[in-house]
């Protein structure tokens, strides 16, 4: 009976980490940057990651670091669920989650502004939530390595 309980706990931890990664990816649709630009004061993660232009004025250029910061948790979620039972897949998924969390939290640093912004951009709720959820998912995946299968 202990083996079944341990297996259920291991699957539960993996599913929890996958849900954290999926939710972290969905934070790309939430406000990511707040700044005082004359036409718009906040930008979503999609606008910041893939570039944004208003009235033929490019405000942000695409940034690979920000794209990866939101994509790594999604890839890690798939890896955690599909590769369940293999320790190397769990290690790769945990590494992707932690790296994605660090990249999401450093969105302002990775930003490529193309025009002069009146004030320095500040981090909003999207990347903060994505970073925290990714780090929580990565830590729980690391913890699942110590559970017996």
Protein backbone atom coordinates (compact mmCIF):
# COMPACT_ATOMS: atom_id res chain seq x y z
CA UNK A 1 0.00 0.00 0.00
CA UNK A 2 2.93 2.34 0.64
CA UNK A 3 4.09 2.01 -2.94
CA UNK A 4 0.73 3.17 -4.30
CA UNK A 5 0.63 6.15 -1.94
CA UNK A 6 4.15 7.16 -2.97
CA UNK A 7 3.29 6.85 -6.66
CA UNK A 8 0.13 8.92 -6.22
CA UNK A 9 2.09 11.57 -4.35
CA UNK A 10 4.75 11.63 -7.07
CA UNK A 11 2.12 12.04 -9.79
CA UNK A 12 0.35 14.71 -7.74
CA UNK A 13 3.55 16.71 -7.38
CA UNK A 14 4.22 16.46 -11.11
CA UNK A 15 0.69 17.55 -11.99
CA UNK A 16 0.95 20.47 -9.54
CA UNK A 17 4.24 21.57 -11.11
CA UNK A 18 2.74 21.24 -14.60
CA UNK A 19 -0.23 23.41 -13.59
CA UNK A 20 2.17 26.00 -12.14
CA UNK A 21 4.06 26.06 -15.45
CA UNK A 22 0.89 26.31 -17.51
CA UNK A 23 -0.37 29.18 -15.36
CA UNK A 24 3.02 30.88 -15.62
CA UNK A 25 2.79 30.70 -19.41
CA UNK A 26 -0.71 32.22 -19.33
CA UNK A 27 0.73 35.26 -17.55
CA UNK A 28 1.98 36.43 -20.96
CA UNK A 29 -1.51 37.84 -21.50
CA UNK A 30 -1.38 39.97 -18.32
CA UNK A 31 0.15 43.45 -17.94
CA UNK A 32 3.94 43.06 -17.85
CA UNK A 33 5.41 46.57 -17.97
CA UNK A 34 4.15 49.89 -16.66
CA UNK A 35 5.68 53.08 -18.00
CA UNK A 36 4.57 56.58 -18.82
CA UNK A 37 4.52 56.58 -22.59
CA UNK A 38 2.39 59.32 -24.09
CA UNK A 39 -0.13 57.00 -25.76
CA UNK A 40 -0.23 53.98 -23.48
CA UNK A 41 0.83 53.44 -19.89
CA UNK A 42 0.94 49.62 -19.66
CA UNK A 43 1.95 46.82 -22.01
CA UNK A 44 1.12 43.11 -21.90
CA UNK A 45 3.68 40.34 -21.99
CA UNK A 46 2.87 39.63 -25.64
CA UNK A 47 3.56 43.24 -26.61
CA UNK A 48 6.82 43.31 -24.69
CA UNK A 49 8.04 39.88 -25.85
CA UNK A 50 7.16 40.07 -29.54
CA UNK A 51 7.50 43.81 -30.05
CA UNK A 52 4.99 46.63 -30.08
CA UNK A 53 4.36 49.57 -32.35
CA UNK A 54 1.78 52.33 -32.10
CA UNK A 55 1.02 54.57 -35.08
CA UNK A 56 4.07 53.34 -37.00
CA UNK A 57 6.35 54.06 -34.02
CA UNK A 58 8.13 50.98 -32.76
CA UNK A 59 8.12 51.06 -28.97
CA UNK A 60 9.59 47.66 -28.13
CA UNK A 61 11.60 45.27 -30.27
CA UNK A 62 11.17 41.52 -29.89
CA UNK A 63 13.23 40.00 -27.10
CA UNK A 64 14.23 36.34 -27.16
CA UNK A 65 14.91 36.33 -23.41
CA UNK A 66 11.39 37.44 -22.57
CA UNK A 67 9.89 34.95 -25.02
CA UNK A 68 11.90 32.14 -23.43
CA UNK A 69 10.95 33.35 -19.96
CA UNK A 70 7.32 32.61 -20.74
CA UNK A 71 7.90 29.59 -23.02
CA UNK A 72 10.23 27.58 -20.74
CA UNK A 73 7.52 26.91 -18.11
CA UNK A 74 5.18 25.60 -20.82
CA UNK A 75 7.88 23.31 -22.24
CA UNK A 76 8.77 22.19 -18.71
CA UNK A 77 5.13 21.36 -17.98
CA UNK A 78 4.96 19.11 -21.02
CA UNK A 79 8.28 17.51 -20.12
CA UNK A 80 7.22 16.90 -16.52
CA UNK A 81 4.02 15.11 -17.50
CA UNK A 82 5.26 13.22 -20.55
CA UNK A 83 8.59 12.22 -19.00
CA UNK A 84 7.15 11.15 -15.64
CA UNK A 85 9.09 8.20 -14.31
CA UNK A 86 12.40 9.26 -15.82
CA UNK A 87 14.68 11.17 -13.49
CA UNK A 88 16.51 12.96 -16.31
CA UNK A 89 13.22 14.31 -17.69
CA UNK A 90 12.30 15.60 -14.23
CA UNK A 91 15.70 17.26 -13.85
CA UNK A 92 15.39 18.90 -17.29
CA UNK A 93 11.86 20.09 -16.47
CA UNK A 94 12.98 21.52 -13.13
CA UNK A 95 15.90 23.31 -14.78
CA UNK A 96 13.61 24.77 -17.45
CA UNK A 97 11.15 25.96 -14.81
CA UNK A 98 13.82 27.67 -12.71
CA UNK A 99 15.44 29.27 -15.76
CA UNK A 100 12.07 30.46 -17.03
CA UNK A 101 11.28 31.95 -13.64
CA UNK A 102 14.56 33.83 -13.54
CA UNK A 103 14.05 35.14 -17.07
CA UNK A 104 10.48 36.22 -16.33
CA UNK A 105 11.56 38.12 -13.23
CA UNK A 106 14.24 39.94 -15.24
CA UNK A 107 11.82 41.23 -17.90
CA UNK A 108 12.76 44.87 -17.37
CA UNK A 109 16.45 44.08 -17.81
CA UNK A 110 15.81 42.12 -21.03
CA UNK A 111 13.58 44.85 -22.46
CA UNK A 112 14.55 46.35 -25.82
CA UNK A 113 12.98 49.82 -25.92
CA UNK A 114 13.27 51.46 -29.32
CA UNK A 115 11.98 54.90 -28.31
CA UNK A 116 12.71 57.10 -25.35
CA UNK A 117 10.38 56.27 -22.48
CA UNK A 118 9.63 59.16 -20.14
CA UNK A 119 10.19 57.10 -17.00
CA UNK A 120 11.95 53.85 -16.39
CA UNK A 121 9.64 50.89 -16.94
CA UNK A 122 8.51 49.02 -13.85
CA UNK A 123 7.62 45.37 -13.55
CA UNK A 124 3.89 44.63 -13.33
CA UNK A 125 1.91 41.61 -12.14
CA UNK A 126 2.39 39.27 -15.13
CA UNK A 127 6.12 38.56 -15.00
CA UNK A 128 6.16 38.55 -11.20
CA UNK A 129 3.43 35.90 -11.07
CA UNK A 130 5.05 33.93 -13.88
CA UNK A 131 8.43 34.00 -12.16
CA UNK A 132 7.09 32.95 -8.77
CA UNK A 133 4.94 30.17 -10.24
CA UNK A 134 7.86 28.89 -12.32
CA UNK A 135 10.17 28.86 -9.33
CA UNK A 136 7.56 27.07 -7.20
CA UNK A 137 7.05 24.50 -9.96
CA UNK A 138 10.79 23.97 -10.35
CA UNK A 139 11.31 23.50 -6.62
CA UNK A 140 8.45 21.00 -6.38
CA UNK A 141 9.88 19.06 -9.31
CA UNK A 142 13.24 18.96 -7.54
CA UNK A 143 11.43 17.70 -4.45
CA UNK A 144 9.71 14.99 -6.45
CA UNK A 145 13.12 13.53 -7.29
CA UNK A 146 13.42 12.40 -3.69
CA UNK A 147 10.10 10.52 -3.66
CA UNK A 148 10.32 6.79 -4.19
CA UNK A 149 8.49 5.45 -7.20
